[in-house]
Amino acid sequence: MGKTPTHPVAVKRKHLEGQDLPPMPMWPAEMMPRPIASNRNLVWYAGEDLMAMVYESDDGAVAFTDLPYDEHVQILNGRAVLTSADGRTDVFEKGDIFVAPKGWTGTWEMLDGYRELICFETRAIQEAARTWWPQD
């Protein structure tokens, strides 16, 4: 990561609209109860404490056990259906904003051209990424 900027950093509108988002590694197969064909993301800010990105996914679902970070989410397109381990289901649509809290366990289903703007604590998301996508 380089030096943290000293001025506001804006996300580009084209990225919010889903343009020029590069492919990202696929979620581990054991985390996908409903496989996702492809997904894309762009980190548009990576500071010492906060990381922000745009993520887009084809329809499918990812299962999380003890989510290792708090995740602030704004739905930019499509729908997310989060079903907690206790059976509670929450449906979020374009324009909705929510937090998936650290420790959450359940499935995160992405539908209808799903795209989100997300923020995490930098070290926590980097550690999770090393677990999910180990470097060879």
C-alpha atoms as a PDB file:
ATOM      1  CA  MET A   1       0.000   0.000   0.000  1.00  0.00           C
ATOM      2  CA  GLY A   2       1.722   3.324  -0.407  1.00  0.00           C
ATOM      3  CA  LYS A   3       1.448   6.485   1.558  1.00  0.00           C
ATOM      4  CA  THR A   4      -2.085   7.330   2.684  1.00  0.00           C
ATOM      5  CA  PRO A   5      -3.473  10.281   0.672  1.00  0.00           C
ATOM      6  CA  THR A   6      -3.973  13.607   2.405  1.00  0.00           C
ATOM      7  CA  HIS A   7      -6.994  14.636   0.314  1.00  0.00           C
ATOM      8  CA  PRO A   8     -10.423  13.055  -0.236  1.00  0.00           C
ATOM      9  CA  VAL A   9     -10.450  10.095  -2.618  1.00  0.00           C
ATOM     10  CA  ALA A  10     -13.571   9.592  -4.760  1.00  0.00           C
ATOM     11  CA  VAL A  11     -14.707   6.405  -6.426  1.00  0.00           C
ATOM     12  CA  LYS A  12     -15.139   6.783 -10.192  1.00  0.00           C
ATOM     13  CA  ARG A  13     -18.741   6.794 -11.384  1.00  0.00           C
ATOM     14  CA  LYS A  14     -17.920   4.234 -14.099  1.00  0.00           C
ATOM     15  CA  HIS A  15     -16.908   1.762 -11.378  1.00  0.00           C
ATOM     16  CA  LEU A  16     -20.136   2.382  -9.437  1.00  0.00           C
ATOM     17  CA  GLU A  17     -21.950   1.555 -12.695  1.00  0.00           C
ATOM     18  CA  GLY A  18     -20.008  -1.717 -13.056  1.00  0.00           C
ATOM     19  CA  GLN A  19     -17.667  -0.638 -15.849  1.00  0.00           C
ATOM     20  CA  ASP A  20     -13.991  -1.687 -15.912  1.00  0.00           C
ATOM     21  CA  LEU A  21     -14.172  -3.926 -12.843  1.00  0.00           C
ATOM     22  CA  PRO A  22     -11.407  -6.528 -13.175  1.00  0.00           C
ATOM     23  CA  PRO A  23     -12.062 -10.210 -12.485  1.00  0.00           C
ATOM     24  CA  MET A  24     -11.188 -11.427  -9.009  1.00  0.00           C
ATOM     25  CA  PRO A  25     -10.306 -14.903  -7.746  1.00  0.00           C
ATOM     26  CA  MET A  26     -13.283 -17.197  -7.344  1.00  0.00           C
ATOM     27  CA  TRP A  27     -14.478 -17.942  -3.833  1.00  0.00           C
ATOM     28  CA  PRO A  28     -13.264 -21.334  -2.570  1.00  0.00           C
ATOM     29  CA  ALA A  29     -15.666 -24.056  -3.749  1.00  0.00           C
ATOM     30  CA  GLU A  30     -16.468 -25.107  -0.172  1.00  0.00           C
ATOM     31  CA  MET A  31     -17.764 -21.561   0.502  1.00  0.00           C
ATOM     32  CA  MET A  32     -20.223 -21.572  -2.426  1.00  0.00           C
ATOM     33  CA  PRO A  33     -23.427 -23.496  -1.704  1.00  0.00           C
ATOM     34  CA  ARG A  34     -24.704 -22.052  -4.987  1.00  0.00           C
ATOM     35  CA  PRO A  35     -21.754 -21.588  -7.383  1.00  0.00           C
ATOM     36  CA  ILE A  36     -20.998 -18.183  -8.871  1.00  0.00           C
ATOM     37  CA  ALA A  37     -19.833 -18.154 -12.503  1.00  0.00           C
ATOM     38  CA  SER A  38     -17.679 -15.037 -12.087  1.00  0.00           C
ATOM     39  CA  ASN A  39     -17.152 -11.988  -9.918  1.00  0.00           C
ATOM     40  CA  ARG A  40     -15.268  -8.749 -10.213  1.00  0.00           C
ATOM     41  CA  ASN A  41     -13.925  -6.111  -7.857  1.00  0.00           C
ATOM     42  CA  LEU A  42     -11.956  -2.916  -7.759  1.00  0.00           C
ATOM     43  CA  VAL A  43     -10.248  -1.550  -4.656  1.00  0.00           C
ATOM     44  CA  TRP A  44     -10.587   2.205  -4.995  1.00  0.00           C
ATOM     45  CA  TYR A  45      -9.151   3.099  -1.600  1.00  0.00           C
ATOM     46  CA  ALA A  46      -6.687   1.191   0.574  1.00  0.00           C
ATOM     47  CA  GLY A  47      -5.574   3.127   3.615  1.00  0.00           C
ATOM     48  CA  GLU A  48      -3.874   1.990   6.776  1.00  0.00           C
ATOM     49  CA  ASP A  49      -7.200   1.440   8.576  1.00  0.00           C
ATOM     50  CA  LEU A  50      -9.903   1.384   5.899  1.00  0.00           C
ATOM     51  CA  MET A  51     -10.300  -0.381   2.551  1.00  0.00           C
ATOM     52  CA  ALA A  52     -13.118   0.410   0.110  1.00  0.00           C
ATOM     53  CA  MET A  53     -14.069  -1.436  -3.051  1.00  0.00           C
ATOM     54  CA  VAL A  54     -16.767  -2.054  -5.610  1.00  0.00           C
ATOM     55  CA  TYR A  55     -17.719  -5.739  -5.911  1.00  0.00           C
ATOM     56  CA  GLU A  56     -19.953  -7.306  -8.569  1.00  0.00           C
ATOM     57  CA  SER A  57     -21.110 -10.892  -8.849  1.00  0.00           C
ATOM     58  CA  ASP A  58     -23.068 -13.176 -11.107  1.00  0.00           C
ATOM     59  CA  ASP A  59     -25.968 -14.901  -9.347  1.00  0.00           C
ATOM     60  CA  GLY A  60     -24.928 -17.345  -6.639  1.00  0.00           C
ATOM     61  CA  ALA A  61     -24.277 -17.630  -2.926  1.00  0.00           C
ATOM     62  CA  VAL A  62     -21.324 -17.555  -0.555  1.00  0.00           C
ATOM     63  CA  ALA A  63     -21.418 -19.087   2.937  1.00  0.00           C
ATOM     64  CA  PHE A  64     -19.541 -17.376   5.750  1.00  0.00           C
ATOM     65  CA  THR A  65     -18.694 -18.872   9.122  1.00  0.00           C
ATOM     66  CA  ASP A  66     -17.730 -16.312  11.748  1.00  0.00           C
ATOM     67  CA  LEU A  67     -17.236 -13.381   9.338  1.00  0.00           C
ATOM     68  CA  PRO A  68     -13.753 -12.077  10.231  1.00  0.00           C
ATOM     69  CA  TYR A  69     -14.538  -8.355   9.858  1.00  0.00           C
ATOM     70  CA  ASP A  70     -17.335  -5.795  10.020  1.00  0.00           C
ATOM     71  CA  GLU A  71     -18.533  -5.043   6.475  1.00  0.00           C
ATOM     72  CA  HIS A  72     -20.357  -1.834   5.556  1.00  0.00           C
ATOM     73  CA  VAL A  73     -22.416  -2.415   2.391  1.00  0.00           C
ATOM     74  CA  GLN A  74     -24.352  -0.185   0.012  1.00  0.00           C
ATOM     75  CA  ILE A  75     -26.236  -2.095  -2.687  1.00  0.00           C
ATOM     76  CA  LEU A  76     -25.638  -0.431  -6.054  1.00  0.00           C
ATOM     77  CA  ASN A  77     -27.563  -2.941  -8.165  1.00  0.00           C
ATOM     78  CA  GLY A  78     -29.493  -6.179  -7.731  1.00  0.00           C
ATOM     79  CA  ARG A  79     -30.411  -7.857  -4.464  1.00  0.00           C
ATOM     80  CA  ALA A  80     -28.697  -9.589  -1.558  1.00  0.00           C
ATOM     81  CA  VAL A  81     -30.475 -12.215   0.511  1.00  0.00           C
ATOM     82  CA  LEU A  82     -28.629 -12.883   3.764  1.00  0.00           C
ATOM     83  CA  THR A  83     -29.790 -15.907   5.708  1.00  0.00           C
ATOM     84  CA  SER A  84     -28.253 -16.182   9.163  1.00  0.00           C
ATOM     85  CA  ALA A  85     -27.386 -19.508  10.784  1.00  0.00           C
ATOM     86  CA  ASP A  86     -30.411 -19.089  13.082  1.00  0.00           C
ATOM     87  CA  GLY A  87     -32.741 -18.986  10.029  1.00  0.00           C
ATOM     88  CA  ARG A  88     -33.398 -15.217   9.915  1.00  0.00           C
ATOM     89  CA  THR A  89     -33.512 -13.892   6.347  1.00  0.00           C
ATOM     90  CA  ASP A  90     -32.838 -10.259   5.414  1.00  0.00           C
ATOM     91  CA  VAL A  91     -33.365  -8.993   1.858  1.00  0.00           C
ATOM     92  CA  PHE A  92     -31.483  -5.895   0.688  1.00  0.00           C
ATOM     93  CA  GLU A  93     -32.078  -4.118  -2.627  1.00  0.00           C
ATOM     94  CA  LYS A  94     -30.558  -1.327  -4.680  1.00  0.00           C
ATOM     95  CA  GLY A  95     -30.037   1.729  -2.467  1.00  0.00           C
ATOM     96  CA  ASP A  96     -30.094  -0.196   0.814  1.00  0.00           C
ATOM     97  CA  ILE A  97     -27.216   0.231   3.257  1.00  0.00           C
ATOM     98  CA  PHE A  98     -26.379  -2.265   5.999  1.00  0.00           C
ATOM     99  CA  VAL A  99     -23.554  -3.715   8.082  1.00  0.00           C
ATOM    100  CA  ALA A 100     -22.723  -7.398   8.186  1.00  0.00           C
ATOM    101  CA  PRO A 101     -21.144  -7.614  11.643  1.00  0.00           C
ATOM    102  CA  LYS A 102     -17.944  -9.412  12.506  1.00  0.00           C
ATOM    103  CA  GLY A 103     -18.838 -12.912  13.677  1.00  0.00           C
ATOM    104  CA  TRP A 104     -21.911 -13.260  11.427  1.00  0.00           C
ATOM    105  CA  THR A 105     -22.525 -16.779  10.095  1.00  0.00           C
ATOM    106  CA  GLY A 106     -24.838 -17.548   7.186  1.00  0.00           C
ATOM    107  CA  THR A 107     -25.296 -17.469   3.425  1.00  0.00           C
ATOM    108  CA  TRP A 108     -25.059 -14.355   1.286  1.00  0.00           C
ATOM    109  CA  GLU A 109     -27.022 -14.836  -1.920  1.00  0.00           C
ATOM    110  CA  MET A 110     -26.405 -12.371  -4.759  1.00  0.00           C
ATOM    111  CA  LEU A 111     -29.086 -11.877  -7.416  1.00  0.00           C
ATOM    112  CA  ASP A 112     -30.090  -9.808 -10.439  1.00  0.00           C
ATOM    113  CA  GLY A 113     -26.763  -8.240 -11.448  1.00  0.00           C
ATOM    114  CA  TYR A 114     -25.552  -7.757  -7.875  1.00  0.00           C
ATOM    115  CA  ARG A 115     -23.113  -4.900  -7.272  1.00  0.00           C
ATOM    116  CA  GLU A 116     -22.093  -3.303  -3.989  1.00  0.00           C
ATOM    117  CA  LEU A 117     -19.888  -0.599  -2.542  1.00  0.00           C
ATOM    118  CA  ILE A 118     -18.144  -2.071   0.514  1.00  0.00           C
ATOM    119  CA  CYS A 119     -15.796  -0.919   3.259  1.00  0.00           C
ATOM    120  CA  PHE A 120     -13.731  -3.003   5.689  1.00  0.00           C
ATOM    121  CA  GLU A 121     -10.958  -2.661   8.236  1.00  0.00           C
ATOM    122  CA  THR A 122      -7.832  -3.041   6.080  1.00  0.00           C
ATOM    123  CA  ARG A 123      -5.876  -5.590   8.118  1.00  0.00           C
ATOM    124  CA  ALA A 124      -8.923  -7.816   8.696  1.00  0.00           C
ATOM    125  CA  ILE A 125      -9.860  -8.055   5.007  1.00  0.00           C
ATOM    126  CA  GLN A 126      -6.237  -8.656   3.996  1.00  0.00           C
ATOM    127  CA  GLU A 127      -5.930 -11.507   6.490  1.00  0.00           C
ATOM    128  CA  ALA A 128      -9.224 -13.039   5.305  1.00  0.00           C
ATOM    129  CA  ALA A 129      -8.088 -12.755   1.670  1.00  0.00           C
ATOM    130  CA  ARG A 130      -4.857 -14.627   2.501  1.00  0.00           C
ATOM    131  CA  THR A 131      -6.974 -17.414   4.010  1.00  0.00           C
ATOM    132  CA  TRP A 132      -9.460 -17.615   1.133  1.00  0.00           C
ATOM    133  CA  TRP A 133      -6.967 -17.097  -1.703  1.00  0.00           C
ATOM    134  CA  PRO A 134      -3.536 -18.297  -0.545  1.00  0.00           C
ATOM    135  CA  GLN A 135      -0.648 -17.289  -2.784  1.00  0.00           C
ATOM    136  CA  ASP A 136       1.226 -20.179  -4.356  1.00  0.00           C
END
